[in-house]
Amino acid sequence: MAKYREVGRAARAAMLRLTPLAEPLSIDEAFLDLSRTEELHGACPAQLLAALALRVEAELGIRCRSD
């Protein structure tokens, strides 16, 4: 459980670097408001979300999905 919390916190930190508007639902699930992120990061929300998923998978070894 400790490893699960550690990876969950790291994933949440990655989300918060993308947008401060992350609404956690559980340790491994959150809603992200990506409005205005294009202005902040210079790419459309879909590109930013895809990059986040790839980064989390590469750095943390877990897969992301968006439903």
N, C-alpha and C. Protein backbone atom coordinates (compact mmCIF):
# COMPACT_ATOMS: atom_id res chain seq x y z
N MET A 1 0.83 -1.20 0.00
CA MET A 1 0.00 0.00 0.00
C MET A 1 0.87 1.26 0.00
N ALA A 2 2.01 1.21 0.66
CA ALA A 2 2.90 2.37 0.70
C ALA A 2 3.39 2.73 -0.70
N LYS A 3 3.75 1.72 -1.49
CA LYS A 3 4.21 1.97 -2.87
C LYS A 3 3.07 2.55 -3.71
N TYR A 4 1.87 2.05 -3.52
CA TYR A 4 0.69 2.54 -4.23
C TYR A 4 0.47 4.03 -3.93
N ARG A 5 0.58 4.41 -2.65
CA ARG A 5 0.43 5.82 -2.27
C ARG A 5 1.55 6.67 -2.87
N GLU A 6 2.77 6.16 -2.85
CA GLU A 6 3.92 6.90 -3.37
C GLU A 6 3.75 7.18 -4.87
N VAL A 7 3.38 6.17 -5.63
CA VAL A 7 3.19 6.34 -7.06
C VAL A 7 1.98 7.24 -7.33
N GLY A 8 0.93 7.08 -6.54
CA GLY A 8 -0.24 7.93 -6.69
C GLY A 8 0.09 9.40 -6.45
N ARG A 9 0.89 9.66 -5.46
CA ARG A 9 1.31 11.06 -5.18
C ARG A 9 2.16 11.61 -6.31
N ALA A 10 3.05 10.79 -6.84
CA ALA A 10 3.89 11.24 -7.95
C ALA A 10 3.05 11.53 -9.19
N ALA A 11 2.06 10.68 -9.45
CA ALA A 11 1.17 10.92 -10.59
C ALA A 11 0.37 12.21 -10.38
N ARG A 12 -0.12 12.40 -9.17
CA ARG A 12 -0.87 13.63 -8.86
C ARG A 12 0.01 14.86 -9.02
N ALA A 13 1.26 14.79 -8.62
CA ALA A 13 2.18 15.92 -8.78
C ALA A 13 2.37 16.24 -10.26
N ALA A 14 2.45 15.21 -11.10
CA ALA A 14 2.58 15.43 -12.55
C ALA A 14 1.33 16.12 -13.09
N MET A 15 0.17 15.72 -12.61
CA MET A 15 -1.08 16.35 -13.03
C MET A 15 -1.09 17.83 -12.63
N LEU A 16 -0.66 18.11 -11.43
CA LEU A 16 -0.69 19.49 -10.94
C LEU A 16 0.32 20.38 -11.65
N ARG A 17 1.38 19.79 -12.20
CA ARG A 17 2.30 20.59 -13.01
C ARG A 17 1.64 21.00 -14.33
N LEU A 18 0.69 20.21 -14.78
CA LEU A 18 -0.04 20.52 -16.00
C LEU A 18 -1.14 21.54 -15.74
N THR A 19 -1.90 21.33 -14.67
CA THR A 19 -2.99 22.23 -14.31
C THR A 19 -3.20 22.22 -12.80
N PRO A 20 -3.40 23.37 -12.20
CA PRO A 20 -3.73 23.39 -10.77
C PRO A 20 -5.17 22.95 -10.51
N LEU A 21 -5.93 22.78 -11.58
CA LEU A 21 -7.33 22.41 -11.46
C LEU A 21 -7.50 20.90 -11.62
N ALA A 22 -6.94 20.17 -10.68
CA ALA A 22 -7.07 18.71 -10.65
C ALA A 22 -7.95 18.36 -9.45
N GLU A 23 -9.04 17.68 -9.73
CA GLU A 23 -9.97 17.30 -8.67
C GLU A 23 -9.82 15.81 -8.39
N PRO A 24 -9.18 15.47 -7.28
CA PRO A 24 -8.96 14.05 -6.97
C PRO A 24 -10.27 13.34 -6.62
N LEU A 25 -10.40 12.13 -7.13
CA LEU A 25 -11.53 11.27 -6.79
C LEU A 25 -11.09 10.17 -5.84
N SER A 26 -9.85 9.73 -6.02
CA SER A 26 -9.25 8.70 -5.17
C SER A 26 -7.74 8.83 -5.32
N ILE A 27 -7.01 7.92 -4.73
CA ILE A 27 -5.55 8.00 -4.79
C ILE A 27 -5.02 7.85 -6.22
N ASP A 28 -5.79 7.20 -7.08
CA ASP A 28 -5.31 6.96 -8.44
C ASP A 28 -6.25 7.48 -9.53
N GLU A 29 -7.09 8.43 -9.19
CA GLU A 29 -8.07 8.93 -10.14
C GLU A 29 -8.35 10.41 -9.88
N ALA A 30 -8.47 11.19 -10.96
CA ALA A 30 -8.76 12.61 -10.81
C ALA A 30 -9.37 13.15 -12.10
N PHE A 31 -10.13 14.22 -11.96
CA PHE A 31 -10.59 15.00 -13.10
C PHE A 31 -9.62 16.15 -13.28
N LEU A 32 -9.26 16.44 -14.53
CA LEU A 32 -8.37 17.56 -14.83
C LEU A 32 -9.11 18.57 -15.68
N ASP A 33 -9.11 19.82 -15.27
CA ASP A 33 -9.67 20.90 -16.07
C ASP A 33 -8.52 21.45 -16.90
N LEU A 34 -8.55 21.18 -18.20
CA LEU A 34 -7.46 21.60 -19.08
C LEU A 34 -7.76 22.88 -19.83
N SER A 35 -8.84 23.57 -19.45
CA SER A 35 -9.12 24.85 -20.09
C SER A 35 -7.99 25.83 -19.76
N ARG A 36 -7.60 26.60 -20.72
CA ARG A 36 -6.54 27.60 -20.62
C ARG A 36 -5.14 27.01 -20.52
N THR A 37 -5.00 25.69 -20.57
CA THR A 37 -3.66 25.11 -20.52
C THR A 37 -2.89 25.39 -21.81
N GLU A 38 -3.61 25.60 -22.91
CA GLU A 38 -2.92 25.92 -24.16
C GLU A 38 -2.16 27.23 -24.01
N GLU A 39 -2.76 28.20 -23.34
CA GLU A 39 -2.10 29.48 -23.09
C GLU A 39 -0.87 29.30 -22.20
N LEU A 40 -0.98 28.43 -21.23
CA LEU A 40 0.12 28.21 -20.27
C LEU A 40 1.27 27.41 -20.86
N HIS A 41 0.94 26.37 -21.64
CA HIS A 41 1.96 25.42 -22.08
C HIS A 41 2.23 25.43 -23.58
N GLY A 42 1.45 26.18 -24.35
CA GLY A 42 1.71 26.32 -25.77
C GLY A 42 1.35 25.11 -26.63
N ALA A 43 0.44 24.29 -26.16
CA ALA A 43 -0.05 23.14 -26.94
C ALA A 43 -1.51 22.92 -26.59
N CYS A 44 -2.22 22.26 -27.49
CA CYS A 44 -3.64 22.02 -27.22
C CYS A 44 -3.80 20.99 -26.09
N PRO A 45 -4.93 21.03 -25.38
CA PRO A 45 -5.14 20.11 -24.26
C PRO A 45 -4.95 18.63 -24.60
N ALA A 46 -5.37 18.22 -25.79
CA ALA A 46 -5.21 16.81 -26.16
C ALA A 46 -3.73 16.42 -26.24
N GLN A 47 -2.92 17.31 -26.79
CA GLN A 47 -1.47 17.03 -26.87
C GLN A 47 -0.85 17.00 -25.47
N LEU A 48 -1.27 17.93 -24.63
CA LEU A 48 -0.73 17.98 -23.27
C LEU A 48 -1.11 16.74 -22.48
N LEU A 49 -2.35 16.30 -22.64
CA LEU A 49 -2.79 15.10 -21.93
C LEU A 49 -2.05 13.86 -22.41
N ALA A 50 -1.85 13.75 -23.72
CA ALA A 50 -1.09 12.62 -24.27
C ALA A 50 0.35 12.63 -23.75
N ALA A 51 0.95 13.81 -23.72
CA ALA A 51 2.33 13.91 -23.21
C ALA A 51 2.39 13.55 -21.72
N LEU A 52 1.39 13.96 -20.97
CA LEU A 52 1.34 13.61 -19.55
C LEU A 52 1.26 12.09 -19.38
N ALA A 53 0.39 11.46 -20.15
CA ALA A 53 0.24 10.01 -20.05
C ALA A 53 1.54 9.29 -20.39
N LEU A 54 2.23 9.73 -21.43
CA LEU A 54 3.51 9.12 -21.80
C LEU A 54 4.57 9.33 -20.72
N ARG A 55 4.59 10.53 -20.15
CA ARG A 55 5.57 10.84 -19.11
C ARG A 55 5.32 10.00 -17.86
N VAL A 56 4.07 9.89 -17.45
CA VAL A 56 3.73 9.10 -16.26
C VAL A 56 4.09 7.63 -16.49
N GLU A 57 3.79 7.14 -17.69
CA GLU A 57 4.13 5.75 -17.99
C GLU A 57 5.64 5.53 -17.96
N ALA A 58 6.40 6.43 -18.56
CA ALA A 58 7.86 6.29 -18.61
C ALA A 58 8.51 6.45 -17.24
N GLU A 59 8.05 7.44 -16.49
CA GLU A 59 8.70 7.75 -15.21
C GLU A 59 8.21 6.88 -14.06
N LEU A 60 6.94 6.50 -14.08
CA LEU A 60 6.36 5.79 -12.93
C LEU A 60 6.01 4.34 -13.24
N GLY A 61 6.01 3.98 -14.51
CA GLY A 61 5.72 2.60 -14.88
C GLY A 61 4.25 2.22 -14.78
N ILE A 62 3.37 3.22 -14.82
CA ILE A 62 1.93 2.92 -14.78
C ILE A 62 1.30 3.52 -16.03
N ARG A 63 0.18 2.97 -16.44
CA ARG A 63 -0.51 3.46 -17.62
C ARG A 63 -1.66 4.37 -17.21
N CYS A 64 -1.86 5.39 -18.01
CA CYS A 64 -2.97 6.34 -17.79
C CYS A 64 -4.03 6.06 -18.83
N ARG A 65 -5.25 6.37 -18.47
CA ARG A 65 -6.32 6.32 -19.44
C ARG A 65 -7.26 7.47 -19.17
N SER A 66 -7.94 7.89 -20.20
CA SER A 66 -8.93 8.97 -20.05
C SER A 66 -10.26 8.41 -20.51
N ASP A 67 -11.24 8.54 -19.68
CA ASP A 67 -12.58 8.04 -19.99
C ASP A 67 -13.53 9.20 -20.12
